């Protein structure tokens, strides 16, 4: 059965790992002392982009995730390890 984009996405939103990703990104931003607006500026995005990521309304692809980590001044592998600890 082929993957249907919307179907695949729906299964991964709000899972334990998705929640862990949202929490890790927000914690990294707050630990760096960066506001959502400042992070959005660093990413050259609208400030709502960061809010949607942190609330789970929008997901990041791998390249966006790496850019996000770079903008936070953190190692993407550290963030992903936090996500991988979560089950489901």
Protein backbone atom coordinates (compact mmCIF):
# COMPACT_ATOMS: atom_id res chain seq x y z
CA UNK A 1 0.00 0.00 0.00
CA UNK A 2 1.52 3.38 -0.97
CA UNK A 3 2.08 6.06 1.61
CA UNK A 4 -0.38 8.89 1.35
CA UNK A 5 1.16 12.10 2.69
CA UNK A 6 -1.81 13.23 4.80
CA UNK A 7 -2.40 9.72 6.11
CA UNK A 8 1.24 9.32 7.14
CA UNK A 9 1.35 12.74 8.77
CA UNK A 10 -1.80 12.11 10.79
CA UNK A 11 -0.30 9.01 12.34
CA UNK A 12 2.76 10.90 13.56
CA UNK A 13 1.24 14.06 14.98
CA UNK A 14 0.94 14.07 18.75
CA UNK A 15 2.73 10.78 19.25
CA UNK A 16 5.10 10.48 22.19
CA UNK A 17 8.04 11.22 19.91
CA UNK A 18 6.35 14.22 18.32
CA UNK A 19 5.62 15.60 21.78
CA UNK A 20 9.22 14.91 22.80
CA UNK A 21 10.44 16.81 19.73
CA UNK A 22 8.24 19.82 20.52
CA UNK A 23 9.44 19.80 24.13
CA UNK A 24 13.13 19.42 23.17
CA UNK A 25 12.96 22.29 20.68
CA UNK A 26 11.20 24.59 23.12
CA UNK A 27 13.57 23.67 25.97
CA UNK A 28 16.61 24.28 23.76
CA UNK A 29 15.25 27.68 22.73
CA UNK A 30 14.48 28.69 26.29
CA UNK A 31 17.83 27.38 27.54
CA UNK A 32 19.56 29.53 24.93
CA UNK A 33 17.57 32.55 26.14
CA UNK A 34 16.07 33.10 22.70
CA UNK A 35 12.50 34.30 22.13
CA UNK A 36 10.30 32.80 19.44
CA UNK A 37 10.59 36.05 17.50
CA UNK A 38 14.39 36.05 17.69
CA UNK A 39 14.57 32.44 16.56
CA UNK A 40 12.23 33.20 13.67
CA UNK A 41 14.45 36.12 12.70
CA UNK A 42 17.50 33.86 12.72
CA UNK A 43 15.64 31.39 10.52
CA UNK A 44 14.37 34.16 8.23
CA UNK A 45 10.80 33.03 8.87
CA UNK A 46 7.63 34.59 10.21
CA UNK A 47 7.44 34.42 14.00
CA UNK A 48 4.35 32.22 13.71
CA UNK A 49 6.57 29.50 12.19
CA UNK A 50 8.29 28.88 15.54
CA UNK A 51 5.01 28.97 17.45
CA UNK A 52 3.48 26.41 15.10
CA UNK A 53 6.51 24.14 15.51
CA UNK A 54 6.41 24.35 19.30
CA UNK A 55 2.65 23.81 19.45
CA UNK A 56 2.78 20.84 17.07
CA UNK A 57 0.69 22.50 14.40
CA UNK A 58 3.59 22.17 11.95
CA UNK A 59 6.38 19.62 11.63
CA UNK A 60 9.93 20.10 10.43
CA UNK A 61 11.61 18.11 7.71
CA UNK A 62 15.17 16.92 8.34
CA UNK A 63 16.83 19.91 6.70
CA UNK A 64 14.60 22.38 8.57
CA UNK A 65 15.38 20.52 11.80
CA UNK A 66 19.12 20.95 11.20
CA UNK A 67 18.67 24.66 10.41
CA UNK A 68 16.52 25.04 13.54
CA UNK A 69 19.22 23.43 15.70
CA UNK A 70 21.91 25.59 14.12
CA UNK A 71 19.85 28.73 14.78
CA UNK A 72 19.57 27.68 18.42
CA UNK A 73 23.30 27.08 18.61
CA UNK A 74 22.76 23.46 19.62
CA UNK A 75 23.79 20.11 18.22
CA UNK A 76 20.99 18.44 16.26
CA UNK A 77 22.16 15.02 17.44
CA UNK A 78 21.63 16.03 21.07
CA UNK A 79 18.06 17.05 20.28
CA UNK A 80 17.31 13.90 18.31
CA UNK A 81 18.62 11.73 21.15
CA UNK A 82 16.00 13.32 23.41
CA UNK A 83 13.31 12.47 20.87
CA UNK A 84 14.49 8.89 20.46
CA UNK A 85 14.15 8.28 24.19
CA UNK A 86 10.37 8.64 23.83
CA UNK A 87 8.39 5.58 22.84
CA UNK A 88 5.57 5.63 20.32
